[in-house]
Amino acid sequence: MYTGLTRAKKLAIIVGEKKAISIAVNQGHRRQRYTRLVERLCQKVF
């Protein structure tokens, strides 16, 4: 939900039931991702 709204340039239209949208918004807490992105970037830079 966050990504879709923040990437909209001029307008974002949300279609769905109020309850489903509420659940999506309230579950927007960040989870730790294990992507090893930092390690991969460091390998490319150094």
PDB file of N, CA and C in Angstrom:
ATOM      1  N   MET A   1       0.831  -1.176   0.000  1.00  0.00           N
ATOM      2  CA  MET A   1       0.000   0.000   0.000  1.00  0.00           C
ATOM      3  C   MET A   1       0.883   1.249   0.000  1.00  0.00           C
ATOM      4  N   TYR A   2       1.858   1.295   0.873  1.00  0.00           N
ATOM      5  CA  TYR A   2       2.743   2.460   0.980  1.00  0.00           C
ATOM      6  C   TYR A   2       3.482   2.707  -0.328  1.00  0.00           C
ATOM      7  N   THR A   3       4.034   1.656  -0.894  1.00  0.00           N
ATOM      8  CA  THR A   3       4.816   1.797  -2.121  1.00  0.00           C
ATOM      9  C   THR A   3       3.960   2.343  -3.254  1.00  0.00           C
ATOM     10  N   GLY A   4       2.793   1.816  -3.400  1.00  0.00           N
ATOM     11  CA  GLY A   4       1.913   2.281  -4.466  1.00  0.00           C
ATOM     12  C   GLY A   4       1.542   3.743  -4.322  1.00  0.00           C
ATOM     13  N   LEU A   5       1.279   4.169  -3.119  1.00  0.00           N
ATOM     14  CA  LEU A   5       0.890   5.563  -2.902  1.00  0.00           C
ATOM     15  C   LEU A   5       2.067   6.518  -3.023  1.00  0.00           C
ATOM     16  N   THR A   6       3.224   6.119  -2.564  1.00  0.00           N
ATOM     17  CA  THR A   6       4.365   7.028  -2.607  1.00  0.00           C
ATOM     18  C   THR A   6       4.964   7.142  -3.999  1.00  0.00           C
ATOM     19  N   ARG A   7       4.723   6.178  -4.861  1.00  0.00           N
ATOM     20  CA  ARG A   7       5.264   6.238  -6.223  1.00  0.00           C
ATOM     21  C   ARG A   7       4.334   6.931  -7.213  1.00  0.00           C
ATOM     22  N   ALA A   8       3.132   7.205  -6.795  1.00  0.00           N
ATOM     23  CA  ALA A   8       2.191   7.889  -7.687  1.00  0.00           C
ATOM     24  C   ALA A   8       2.701   9.298  -7.970  1.00  0.00           C
ATOM     25  N   LYS A   9       2.688   9.693  -9.225  1.00  0.00           N
ATOM     26  CA  LYS A   9       3.195  11.011  -9.626  1.00  0.00           C
ATOM     27  C   LYS A   9       2.150  12.101  -9.444  1.00  0.00           C
ATOM     28  N   LYS A  10       0.926  11.846  -9.898  1.00  0.00           N
ATOM     29  CA  LYS A  10      -0.118  12.866  -9.839  1.00  0.00           C
ATOM     30  C   LYS A  10      -1.341  12.429  -9.047  1.00  0.00           C
ATOM     31  N   LEU A  11      -1.693  11.153  -9.177  1.00  0.00           N
ATOM     32  CA  LEU A  11      -2.949  10.690  -8.597  1.00  0.00           C
ATOM     33  C   LEU A  11      -2.852   9.214  -8.253  1.00  0.00           C
ATOM     34  N   ALA A  12      -3.412   8.846  -7.128  1.00  0.00           N
ATOM     35  CA  ALA A  12      -3.497   7.437  -6.741  1.00  0.00           C
ATOM     36  C   ALA A  12      -4.957   7.134  -6.420  1.00  0.00           C
ATOM     37  N   ILE A  13      -5.481   6.119  -7.043  1.00  0.00           N
ATOM     38  CA  ILE A  13      -6.865   5.714  -6.798  1.00  0.00           C
ATOM     39  C   ILE A  13      -6.834   4.364  -6.106  1.00  0.00           C
ATOM     40  N   ILE A  14      -7.447   4.300  -4.946  1.00  0.00           N
ATOM     41  CA  ILE A  14      -7.483   3.067  -4.166  1.00  0.00           C
ATOM     42  C   ILE A  14      -8.869   2.456  -4.320  1.00  0.00           C
ATOM     43  N   VAL A  15      -8.908   1.217  -4.751  1.00  0.00           N
ATOM     44  CA  VAL A  15     -10.170   0.515  -4.953  1.00  0.00           C
ATOM     45  C   VAL A  15     -10.183  -0.688  -4.030  1.00  0.00           C
ATOM     46  N   GLY A  16     -11.242  -0.828  -3.261  1.00  0.00           N
ATOM     47  CA  GLY A  16     -11.359  -1.978  -2.379  1.00  0.00           C
ATOM     48  C   GLY A  16     -12.328  -1.706  -1.252  1.00  0.00           C
ATOM     49  N   GLU A  17     -12.536  -2.704  -0.451  1.00  0.00           N
ATOM     50  CA  GLU A  17     -13.418  -2.559   0.702  1.00  0.00           C
ATOM     51  C   GLU A  17     -12.693  -1.801   1.805  1.00  0.00           C
ATOM     52  N   LYS A  18     -13.427  -1.009   2.549  1.00  0.00           N
ATOM     53  CA  LYS A  18     -12.825  -0.218   3.623  1.00  0.00           C
ATOM     54  C   LYS A  18     -12.080  -1.096   4.618  1.00  0.00           C
ATOM     55  N   LYS A  19     -12.656  -2.237   4.941  1.00  0.00           N
ATOM     56  CA  LYS A  19     -12.024  -3.130   5.917  1.00  0.00           C
ATOM     57  C   LYS A  19     -10.685  -3.651   5.388  1.00  0.00           C
ATOM     58  N   ALA A  20     -10.640  -4.042   4.120  1.00  0.00           N
ATOM     59  CA  ALA A  20      -9.400  -4.558   3.528  1.00  0.00           C
ATOM     60  C   ALA A  20      -8.328  -3.478   3.478  1.00  0.00           C
ATOM     61  N   ILE A  21      -8.715  -2.270   3.136  1.00  0.00           N
ATOM     62  CA  ILE A  21      -7.760  -1.160   3.091  1.00  0.00           C
ATOM     63  C   ILE A  21      -7.254  -0.845   4.487  1.00  0.00           C
ATOM     64  N   SER A  22      -8.146  -0.868   5.458  1.00  0.00           N
ATOM     65  CA  SER A  22      -7.754  -0.627   6.844  1.00  0.00           C
ATOM     66  C   SER A  22      -6.741  -1.661   7.320  1.00  0.00           C
ATOM     67  N   ILE A  23      -6.975  -2.912   6.987  1.00  0.00           N
ATOM     68  CA  ILE A  23      -6.040  -3.975   7.374  1.00  0.00           C
ATOM     69  C   ILE A  23      -4.683  -3.747   6.713  1.00  0.00           C
ATOM     70  N   ALA A  24      -4.692  -3.405   5.424  1.00  0.00           N
ATOM     71  CA  ALA A  24      -3.435  -3.174   4.702  1.00  0.00           C
ATOM     72  C   ALA A  24      -2.654  -2.016   5.310  1.00  0.00           C
ATOM     73  N   VAL A  25      -3.343  -0.958   5.665  1.00  0.00           N
ATOM     74  CA  VAL A  25      -2.682   0.218   6.242  1.00  0.00           C
ATOM     75  C   VAL A  25      -2.141  -0.092   7.628  1.00  0.00           C
ATOM     76  N   ASN A  26      -2.904  -0.778   8.432  1.00  0.00           N
ATOM     77  CA  ASN A  26      -2.484  -1.048   9.807  1.00  0.00           C
ATOM     78  C   ASN A  26      -1.413  -2.118   9.907  1.00  0.00           C
ATOM     79  N   GLN A  27      -1.225  -2.913   8.874  1.00  0.00           N
ATOM     80  CA  GLN A  27      -0.176  -3.925   8.890  1.00  0.00           C
ATOM     81  C   GLN A  27       1.092  -3.418   8.221  1.00  0.00           C
ATOM     82  N   GLY A  28       1.212  -2.113   8.096  1.00  0.00           N
ATOM     83  CA  GLY A  28       2.353  -1.520   7.417  1.00  0.00           C
ATOM     84  C   GLY A  28       3.606  -1.432   8.257  1.00  0.00           C
ATOM     85  N   HIS A  29       3.640  -2.128   9.388  1.00  0.00           N
ATOM     86  CA  HIS A  29       4.846  -2.088  10.210  1.00  0.00           C
ATOM     87  C   HIS A  29       6.002  -2.727   9.451  1.00  0.00           C
ATOM     88  N   ARG A  30       7.175  -2.223   9.714  1.00  0.00           N
ATOM     89  CA  ARG A  30       8.350  -2.721   8.998  1.00  0.00           C
ATOM     90  C   ARG A  30       8.812  -4.038   9.580  1.00  0.00           C
ATOM     91  N   ARG A  31       9.155  -4.913   8.686  1.00  0.00           N
ATOM     92  CA  ARG A  31       9.749  -6.185   9.082  1.00  0.00           C
ATOM     93  C   ARG A  31      11.193  -6.160   8.629  1.00  0.00           C
ATOM     94  N   GLN A  32      12.037  -6.778   9.397  1.00  0.00           N
ATOM     95  CA  GLN A  32      13.432  -6.836   8.997  1.00  0.00           C
ATOM     96  C   GLN A  32      13.570  -7.795   7.827  1.00  0.00           C
ATOM     97  N   ARG A  33      14.246  -7.348   6.803  1.00  0.00           N
ATOM     98  CA  ARG A  33      14.449  -8.181   5.625  1.00  0.00           C
ATOM     99  C   ARG A  33      15.871  -8.704   5.621  1.00  0.00           C
ATOM    100  N   TYR A  34      16.028  -9.934   5.234  1.00  0.00           N
ATOM    101  CA  TYR A  34      17.338 -10.573   5.185  1.00  0.00           C
ATOM    102  C   TYR A  34      17.771 -10.714   3.724  1.00  0.00           C
ATOM    103  N   THR A  35      18.136  -9.588   3.120  1.00  0.00           N
ATOM    104  CA  THR A  35      18.473  -9.580   1.699  1.00  0.00           C
ATOM    105  C   THR A  35      19.971  -9.584   1.449  1.00  0.00           C
ATOM    106  N   ARG A  36      20.754  -9.351   2.473  1.00  0.00           N
ATOM    107  CA  ARG A  36      22.208  -9.224   2.366  1.00  0.00           C
ATOM    108  C   ARG A  36      22.585  -8.088   1.427  1.00  0.00           C
ATOM    109  N   LEU A  37      21.720  -7.079   1.323  1.00  0.00           N
ATOM    110  CA  LEU A  37      21.955  -5.959   0.421  1.00  0.00           C
ATOM    111  C   LEU A  37      23.231  -5.211   0.778  1.00  0.00           C
ATOM    112  N   VAL A  38      23.443  -4.948   2.053  1.00  0.00           N
ATOM    113  CA  VAL A  38      24.643  -4.223   2.478  1.00  0.00           C
ATOM    114  C   VAL A  38      25.899  -4.972   2.062  1.00  0.00           C
ATOM    115  N   GLU A  39      25.916  -6.265   2.294  1.00  0.00           N
ATOM    116  CA  GLU A  39      27.086  -7.064   1.923  1.00  0.00           C
ATOM    117  C   GLU A  39      27.316  -7.040   0.415  1.00  0.00           C
ATOM    118  N   ARG A  40      26.258  -7.141  -0.348  1.00  0.00           N
ATOM    119  CA  ARG A  40      26.385  -7.144  -1.809  1.00  0.00           C
ATOM    120  C   ARG A  40      26.894  -5.806  -2.326  1.00  0.00           C
ATOM    121  N   LEU A  41      26.388  -4.721  -1.752  1.00  0.00           N
ATOM    122  CA  LEU A  41      26.849  -3.402  -2.175  1.00  0.00           C
ATOM    123  C   LEU A  41      28.310  -3.192  -1.823  1.00  0.00           C
ATOM    124  N   CYS A  42      28.710  -3.624  -0.644  1.00  0.00           N
ATOM    125  CA  CYS A  42      30.109  -3.479  -0.227  1.00  0.00           C
ATOM    126  C   CYS A  42      31.039  -4.277  -1.139  1.00  0.00           C
ATOM    127  N   GLN A  43      30.627  -5.424  -1.591  1.00  0.00           N
ATOM    128  CA  GLN A  43      31.450  -6.231  -2.499  1.00  0.00           C
ATOM    129  C   GLN A  43      31.652  -5.510  -3.828  1.00  0.00           C
ATOM    130  N   LYS A  44      30.644  -4.796  -4.281  1.00  0.00           N
ATOM    131  CA  LYS A  44      30.737  -4.095  -5.562  1.00  0.00           C
ATOM    132  C   LYS A  44      31.571  -2.823  -5.446  1.00  0.00           C
ATOM    133  N   VAL A  45      31.519  -2.171  -4.285  1.00  0.00           N
ATOM    134  CA  VAL A  45      32.203  -0.892  -4.101  1.00  0.00           C
ATOM    135  C   VAL A  45      33.660  -1.088  -3.730  1.00  0.00           C
ATOM    136  N   PHE A  46      33.947  -2.035  -2.854  1.00  0.00           N
ATOM    137  CA  PHE A  46      35.316  -2.180  -2.335  1.00  0.00           C
ATOM    138  C   PHE A  46      36.054  -3.255  -3.016  1.00  0.00           C
TER     139      PHE A  46
END
